[in-house]
Amino acid sequence: MSLLWLRVAVLLYAFASLAVLPAALYDRPRWRHIAIPATTAAIFFHFVSLMEMLNAAHHRLPVDTHETQSFLGLVLALAFLFICARYKTVSLGIFILPICFLLGLIPAFRPGEEATYFPHLHTGWIFLHVALLLAAYAALFLSLLASLLYLVQERRLKQKSPAFKWLPPLETTDQIALKTLLFGLPCMTAGLLIGSVIAQQTIGSTYFLDPKVLLSFAMWLAYIGMIFIRRHSGLRGRRAVYLSSFVFLVVLAVWAANQLSAVHRFTAP
């Protein structure tokens, strides 16, 4: 049944992705009242599917590529709803909802059979470790997206071209970019600390020589540096995009390091 619910969620994400276009691009509020409920329903079925999938596999956190993709899509969808409620804008849904759809598409219609199991899945601390880091990744992605939209809108205003009406004001976009970063930092910090404590007790000090672990702490330092620069220099526009893009590339490098990691490998041995 988990695949059925996930397929329903994927179809709802697709419908919401289409509905958000007229709501954001053409200022049609009726479509907003369709896109948000569709996303909410998709999240509900997505959550049910993920819980059934993990329960059937007898573990409480995603441990293979498809489960992790599905979980990340759920986190991004929840972040989109939060931004809608907090800032009264559905503009980011133009980009986020199709990503949620794509992240759920392969797990829904081509589920993998591979899985690499961690030795201590009975503890909820590992689940918290994974969930916090995925939340931090989602926050960084949203910040980069908001910075790019800020740059596009600012450039049009400087060129005295009509601003995109479907985008929120520059100040709102900048606040989204900054506050998502501020939300992601404690998530990343707590996630790394929890992972370090668990690893010290189960694997030993050699864990800290793992390529992904080293890159993860480098990402944390880059994340802190980005927030410090943004808060103390008022960095916006193109430079903010460059800085966010650099940290996001580090995140991609951390993700790619799964293939070199002895303890974070998601594919079958």
Foldseek 3Di string as FASTA:
>chain_A
DLLVLLVQLLVLLVVLLVLVCCVQQVVDVVSVVVNLVSLVSSLVSLVVSLVVVCVVVPFDADFAQLSLLSLLLSLLSVVQNVCCVPVVANLCSNPSSVSSSVSSVCCNPPNDPWGDDDPPRVDCLLRLLSNLQSLLLSLLVLLLVLQVLLQVQVVCVVVVHDGRPSDDDSVSSNCSNLVSLVSNLVSLVSSLVSVVVVCCVPPNPVLCVFPLNVLSVVLSVLSVVLNVCCVVVVDGHPVNNVSSVVSNVSVVVSVVSLVVGPRRNNGHD
